[in-house]
Amino acid sequence: MDAGKYGTPTTQWNTLSKALWVMYVVKEIKAVEDLTVAQITEVFNKHYKQARVIRSTNVSRDLGKQKVASPPLVGETPGTPSKWYLTDEGIKTVQNLIIQQRNGAN
């Protein structure tokens, strides 16, 4: 993964920021549009535990809140389990997070 291009998560990021970031990076690198909560949690905790692990219950809670926000940052594809994807607003949010990190703000 290109840390210069995507940044790296920090301990100061909240669970939502970490989850959105994982979704964005996986979409960019692997061209995978949607992920389950378990996949998001697994990828983050496997590769970025130094930034504090995230819990799937918190990821699910935070994504659910963002799905009904205005404008929503994520959407949900029904299924068992459901999958989550970034909206255009969610993509912009992560891109701004990466820019802020490059500029020294966590």
N, C-alpha and C. Protein backbone atom coordinates (compact mmCIF):
# COMPACT_ATOMS: atom_id res chain seq x y z
N MET A 1 0.83 -1.17 0.00
CA MET A 1 0.00 0.00 0.00
C MET A 1 0.88 1.24 0.00
N ASP A 2 0.50 2.22 -0.74
CA ASP A 2 1.25 3.45 -0.89
C ASP A 2 0.83 4.45 0.19
N ALA A 3 1.61 4.51 1.28
CA ALA A 3 1.28 5.41 2.39
C ALA A 3 1.34 6.87 1.95
N GLY A 4 2.17 7.19 0.98
CA GLY A 4 2.23 8.55 0.47
C GLY A 4 0.95 8.95 -0.24
N LYS A 5 0.32 8.00 -0.86
CA LYS A 5 -0.91 8.27 -1.60
C LYS A 5 -2.15 8.19 -0.72
N TYR A 6 -2.18 7.22 0.21
CA TYR A 6 -3.37 6.97 1.01
C TYR A 6 -3.24 7.36 2.47
N GLY A 7 -2.03 7.74 2.89
CA GLY A 7 -1.82 8.02 4.31
C GLY A 7 -1.88 6.73 5.11
N THR A 8 -1.82 6.87 6.41
CA THR A 8 -1.98 5.72 7.30
C THR A 8 -2.83 6.15 8.48
N PRO A 9 -3.66 5.24 8.97
CA PRO A 9 -4.53 5.59 10.10
C PRO A 9 -3.71 5.88 11.36
N THR A 10 -4.24 6.72 12.22
CA THR A 10 -3.56 7.05 13.47
C THR A 10 -4.46 6.70 14.64
N THR A 11 -3.88 6.70 15.83
CA THR A 11 -4.66 6.42 17.03
C THR A 11 -5.69 7.52 17.30
N GLN A 12 -5.49 8.70 16.74
CA GLN A 12 -6.43 9.80 16.94
C GLN A 12 -7.71 9.67 16.10
N TRP A 13 -7.66 8.86 15.05
CA TRP A 13 -8.85 8.69 14.22
C TRP A 13 -9.91 7.90 14.99
N ASN A 14 -11.17 8.25 14.80
CA ASN A 14 -12.24 7.48 15.42
C ASN A 14 -12.55 6.24 14.57
N THR A 15 -13.40 5.40 15.09
CA THR A 15 -13.73 4.15 14.39
C THR A 15 -14.31 4.41 13.01
N LEU A 16 -15.18 5.40 12.91
CA LEU A 16 -15.77 5.70 11.60
C LEU A 16 -14.71 6.08 10.58
N SER A 17 -13.79 6.95 10.95
CA SER A 17 -12.72 7.36 10.03
C SER A 17 -11.90 6.16 9.58
N LYS A 18 -11.58 5.29 10.50
CA LYS A 18 -10.79 4.10 10.17
C LYS A 18 -11.56 3.19 9.21
N ALA A 19 -12.85 3.01 9.45
CA ALA A 19 -13.67 2.14 8.59
C ALA A 19 -13.82 2.74 7.19
N LEU A 20 -14.10 4.02 7.13
CA LEU A 20 -14.24 4.68 5.82
C LEU A 20 -12.93 4.60 5.05
N TRP A 21 -11.81 4.81 5.75
CA TRP A 21 -10.50 4.77 5.12
C TRP A 21 -10.23 3.39 4.52
N VAL A 22 -10.52 2.33 5.29
CA VAL A 22 -10.33 0.97 4.78
C VAL A 22 -11.17 0.74 3.53
N MET A 23 -12.42 1.17 3.57
CA MET A 23 -13.30 1.00 2.42
C MET A 23 -12.74 1.72 1.19
N TYR A 24 -12.21 2.91 1.40
CA TYR A 24 -11.66 3.69 0.30
C TYR A 24 -10.41 3.03 -0.28
N VAL A 25 -9.49 2.63 0.58
CA VAL A 25 -8.23 2.04 0.11
C VAL A 25 -8.48 0.72 -0.60
N VAL A 26 -9.35 -0.11 -0.06
CA VAL A 26 -9.67 -1.39 -0.71
C VAL A 26 -10.31 -1.14 -2.07
N LYS A 27 -11.19 -0.14 -2.15
CA LYS A 27 -11.82 0.21 -3.42
C LYS A 27 -10.78 0.66 -4.44
N GLU A 28 -9.83 1.48 -4.01
CA GLU A 28 -8.81 2.00 -4.91
C GLU A 28 -7.81 0.92 -5.35
N ILE A 29 -7.37 0.10 -4.43
CA ILE A 29 -6.32 -0.88 -4.72
C ILE A 29 -6.88 -2.16 -5.34
N LYS A 30 -7.97 -2.66 -4.80
CA LYS A 30 -8.52 -3.95 -5.22
C LYS A 30 -9.76 -3.84 -6.10
N ALA A 31 -10.27 -2.62 -6.29
CA ALA A 31 -11.49 -2.39 -7.07
C ALA A 31 -12.69 -3.15 -6.51
N VAL A 32 -12.71 -3.29 -5.18
CA VAL A 32 -13.84 -3.91 -4.50
C VAL A 32 -14.72 -2.78 -3.99
N GLU A 33 -15.94 -2.73 -4.49
CA GLU A 33 -16.85 -1.61 -4.21
C GLU A 33 -17.50 -1.68 -2.85
N ASP A 34 -17.78 -2.88 -2.33
CA ASP A 34 -18.48 -2.98 -1.06
C ASP A 34 -17.89 -4.08 -0.18
N LEU A 35 -17.96 -3.85 1.13
CA LEU A 35 -17.38 -4.77 2.10
C LEU A 35 -18.36 -5.00 3.24
N THR A 36 -18.26 -6.17 3.86
CA THR A 36 -19.04 -6.43 5.07
C THR A 36 -18.33 -5.77 6.25
N VAL A 37 -19.05 -5.63 7.34
CA VAL A 37 -18.44 -5.09 8.56
C VAL A 37 -17.29 -5.99 9.00
N ALA A 38 -17.48 -7.30 8.89
CA ALA A 38 -16.43 -8.25 9.28
C ALA A 38 -15.17 -8.05 8.43
N GLN A 39 -15.33 -7.82 7.14
CA GLN A 39 -14.18 -7.60 6.26
C GLN A 39 -13.46 -6.30 6.61
N ILE A 40 -14.21 -5.26 6.85
CA ILE A 40 -13.60 -3.98 7.22
C ILE A 40 -12.79 -4.13 8.49
N THR A 41 -13.39 -4.75 9.49
CA THR A 41 -12.74 -4.93 10.78
C THR A 41 -11.50 -5.81 10.65
N GLU A 42 -11.63 -6.89 9.91
CA GLU A 42 -10.52 -7.83 9.74
C GLU A 42 -9.33 -7.17 9.04
N VAL A 43 -9.59 -6.46 7.96
CA VAL A 43 -8.50 -5.80 7.23
C VAL A 43 -7.81 -4.77 8.11
N PHE A 44 -8.59 -3.94 8.78
CA PHE A 44 -7.98 -2.91 9.62
C PHE A 44 -7.15 -3.54 10.74
N ASN A 45 -7.75 -4.45 11.48
CA ASN A 45 -7.05 -5.02 12.64
C ASN A 45 -5.85 -5.87 12.26
N LYS A 46 -5.87 -6.45 11.09
CA LYS A 46 -4.74 -7.26 10.63
C LYS A 46 -3.54 -6.39 10.25
N HIS A 47 -3.81 -5.27 9.59
CA HIS A 47 -2.72 -4.47 9.04
C HIS A 47 -2.41 -3.20 9.81
N TYR A 48 -3.33 -2.73 10.65
CA TYR A 48 -3.14 -1.42 11.28
C TYR A 48 -3.43 -1.42 12.78
N LYS A 49 -3.19 -2.55 13.46
CA LYS A 49 -3.51 -2.62 14.88
C LYS A 49 -2.71 -1.63 15.72
N GLN A 50 -1.58 -1.14 15.19
CA GLN A 50 -0.81 -0.12 15.91
C GLN A 50 -1.60 1.18 16.05
N ALA A 51 -2.64 1.36 15.25
CA ALA A 51 -3.51 2.54 15.33
C ALA A 51 -4.73 2.24 16.19
N ARG A 52 -4.69 1.22 16.98
CA ARG A 52 -5.74 0.72 17.86
C ARG A 52 -6.78 -0.06 17.06
N VAL A 53 -7.06 -1.25 17.54
CA VAL A 53 -8.01 -2.12 16.85
C VAL A 53 -9.41 -1.53 16.91
N ILE A 54 -10.22 -1.92 15.96
CA ILE A 54 -11.61 -1.50 15.93
C ILE A 54 -12.50 -2.72 16.17
N ARG A 55 -13.68 -2.48 16.70
CA ARG A 55 -14.62 -3.56 17.00
C ARG A 55 -15.75 -3.53 15.97
N SER A 56 -16.14 -4.70 15.53
CA SER A 56 -17.17 -4.79 14.50
C SER A 56 -18.49 -4.17 14.96
N THR A 57 -18.82 -4.28 16.24
CA THR A 57 -20.06 -3.68 16.73
C THR A 57 -20.03 -2.16 16.57
N ASN A 58 -18.87 -1.56 16.82
CA ASN A 58 -18.75 -0.11 16.67
C ASN A 58 -18.76 0.31 15.21
N VAL A 59 -18.13 -0.50 14.36
CA VAL A 59 -18.14 -0.21 12.92
C VAL A 59 -19.57 -0.25 12.41
N SER A 60 -20.30 -1.28 12.77
CA SER A 60 -21.69 -1.42 12.34
C SER A 60 -22.53 -0.24 12.83
N ARG A 61 -22.36 0.12 14.08
CA ARG A 61 -23.10 1.26 14.65
C ARG A 61 -22.81 2.54 13.88
N ASP A 62 -21.52 2.82 13.66
CA ASP A 62 -21.13 4.07 13.01
C ASP A 62 -21.55 4.13 11.55
N LEU A 63 -21.44 3.02 10.84
CA LEU A 63 -21.88 3.00 9.44
C LEU A 63 -23.39 3.18 9.36
N GLY A 64 -24.11 2.55 10.29
CA GLY A 64 -25.56 2.69 10.30
C GLY A 64 -26.00 4.13 10.51
N LYS A 65 -25.30 4.84 11.38
CA LYS A 65 -25.60 6.26 11.60
C LYS A 65 -25.32 7.08 10.35
N GLN A 66 -24.24 6.76 9.65
CA GLN A 66 -23.88 7.52 8.46
C GLN A 66 -24.78 7.23 7.27
N LYS A 67 -25.38 6.06 7.26
CA LYS A 67 -26.30 5.70 6.17
C LYS A 67 -27.53 6.62 6.16
N VAL A 68 -27.95 7.05 7.33
CA VAL A 68 -29.15 7.90 7.42
C VAL A 68 -28.80 9.37 7.61
N ALA A 69 -27.52 9.71 7.58
CA ALA A 69 -27.10 11.11 7.71
C ALA A 69 -27.45 11.85 6.43
N SER A 70 -27.35 13.16 6.50
CA SER A 70 -27.62 13.97 5.31
C SER A 70 -26.45 14.92 5.07
N PRO A 71 -25.68 14.70 4.04
CA PRO A 71 -25.75 13.61 3.07
C PRO A 71 -25.12 12.34 3.65
N PRO A 72 -25.56 11.19 3.22
CA PRO A 72 -24.98 9.93 3.72
C PRO A 72 -23.56 9.72 3.19
N LEU A 73 -22.72 9.18 4.06
CA LEU A 73 -21.34 8.87 3.64
C LEU A 73 -21.23 7.45 3.09
N VAL A 74 -22.18 6.60 3.46
CA VAL A 74 -22.16 5.20 3.03
C VAL A 74 -23.55 4.77 2.62
N GLY A 75 -23.59 3.69 1.86
CA GLY A 75 -24.83 3.02 1.52
C GLY A 75 -24.69 1.56 1.91
N GLU A 76 -25.81 0.87 1.95
CA GLU A 76 -25.80 -0.54 2.36
C GLU A 76 -26.50 -1.38 1.31
N THR A 77 -25.85 -2.47 0.93
CA THR A 77 -26.42 -3.43 0.01
C THR A 77 -27.02 -4.56 0.85
N PRO A 78 -28.34 -4.76 0.77
CA PRO A 78 -28.96 -5.81 1.59
C PRO A 78 -28.41 -7.18 1.25
N GLY A 79 -28.42 -8.01 2.23
CA GLY A 79 -27.97 -9.38 2.06
C GLY A 79 -27.62 -9.93 3.42
N THR A 80 -27.13 -11.13 3.44
CA THR A 80 -26.71 -11.74 4.69
C THR A 80 -25.30 -12.24 4.53
N PRO A 81 -24.33 -11.53 5.06
CA PRO A 81 -24.45 -10.24 5.73
C PRO A 81 -24.55 -9.10 4.71
N SER A 82 -25.01 -7.96 5.18
CA SER A 82 -25.09 -6.80 4.28
C SER A 82 -23.69 -6.28 3.99
N LYS A 83 -23.58 -5.58 2.89
CA LYS A 83 -22.30 -4.98 2.51
C LYS A 83 -22.46 -3.47 2.46
N TRP A 84 -21.37 -2.79 2.73
CA TRP A 84 -21.36 -1.33 2.80
C TRP A 84 -20.49 -0.77 1.69
N TYR A 85 -20.89 0.37 1.16
CA TYR A 85 -20.10 1.04 0.12
C TYR A 85 -20.07 2.53 0.40
N LEU A 86 -19.05 3.20 -0.12
CA LEU A 86 -18.92 4.64 0.04
C LEU A 86 -19.76 5.37 -1.00
N THR A 87 -20.44 6.41 -0.56
CA THR A 87 -21.13 7.30 -1.49
C THR A 87 -20.09 8.31 -2.00
N ASP A 88 -20.49 9.14 -2.94
CA ASP A 88 -19.58 10.19 -3.41
C ASP A 88 -19.14 11.08 -2.24
N GLU A 89 -20.06 11.38 -1.34
CA GLU A 89 -19.73 12.21 -0.17
C GLU A 89 -18.76 11.48 0.75
N GLY A 90 -18.92 10.18 0.89
CA GLY A 90 -17.99 9.38 1.69
C GLY A 90 -16.59 9.37 1.09
N ILE A 91 -16.51 9.28 -0.22
CA ILE A 91 -15.21 9.32 -0.90
C ILE A 91 -14.54 10.66 -0.65
N LYS A 92 -15.30 11.75 -0.78
CA LYS A 92 -14.74 13.09 -0.53
C LYS A 92 -14.26 13.21 0.91
N THR A 93 -15.01 12.65 1.85
CA THR A 93 -14.63 12.70 3.26
C THR A 93 -13.29 12.02 3.50
N VAL A 94 -13.10 10.85 2.92
CA VAL A 94 -11.84 10.13 3.09
C VAL A 94 -10.70 10.87 2.40
N GLN A 95 -10.94 11.38 1.23
CA GLN A 95 -9.90 12.14 0.54
C GLN A 95 -9.47 13.34 1.37
N ASN A 96 -10.42 14.02 2.00
CA ASN A 96 -10.08 15.14 2.88
C ASN A 96 -9.31 14.68 4.11
N LEU A 97 -9.65 13.52 4.64
CA LEU A 97 -8.93 12.95 5.78
C LEU A 97 -7.47 12.68 5.41
N ILE A 98 -7.26 12.14 4.22
CA ILE A 98 -5.90 11.86 3.75
C ILE A 98 -5.13 13.16 3.56
N ILE A 99 -5.76 14.17 2.99
CA ILE A 99 -5.11 15.48 2.80
C ILE A 99 -4.75 16.10 4.14
N GLN A 100 -5.66 16.04 5.11
CA GLN A 100 -5.39 16.58 6.43
C GLN A 100 -4.19 15.88 7.06
N GLN A 101 -4.12 14.57 6.90
CA GLN A 101 -2.99 13.85 7.48
C GLN A 101 -1.68 14.26 6.83
N ARG A 102 -1.69 14.41 5.52
CA ARG A 102 -0.48 14.86 4.82
C ARG A 102 -0.02 16.23 5.32
N ASN A 103 -0.99 17.07 5.68
CA ASN A 103 -0.68 18.43 6.15
C ASN A 103 -0.38 18.47 7.65
N GLY A 104 -0.31 17.31 8.26
CA GLY A 104 0.10 17.25 9.66
C GLY A 104 -1.02 17.23 10.68
N ALA A 105 -2.25 17.25 10.23
CA ALA A 105 -3.37 17.17 11.17
C ALA A 105 -3.83 15.73 11.26
N ASN A 106 -4.07 15.24 12.46
CA ASN A 106 -4.53 13.88 12.63
C ASN A 106 -6.02 13.91 12.75
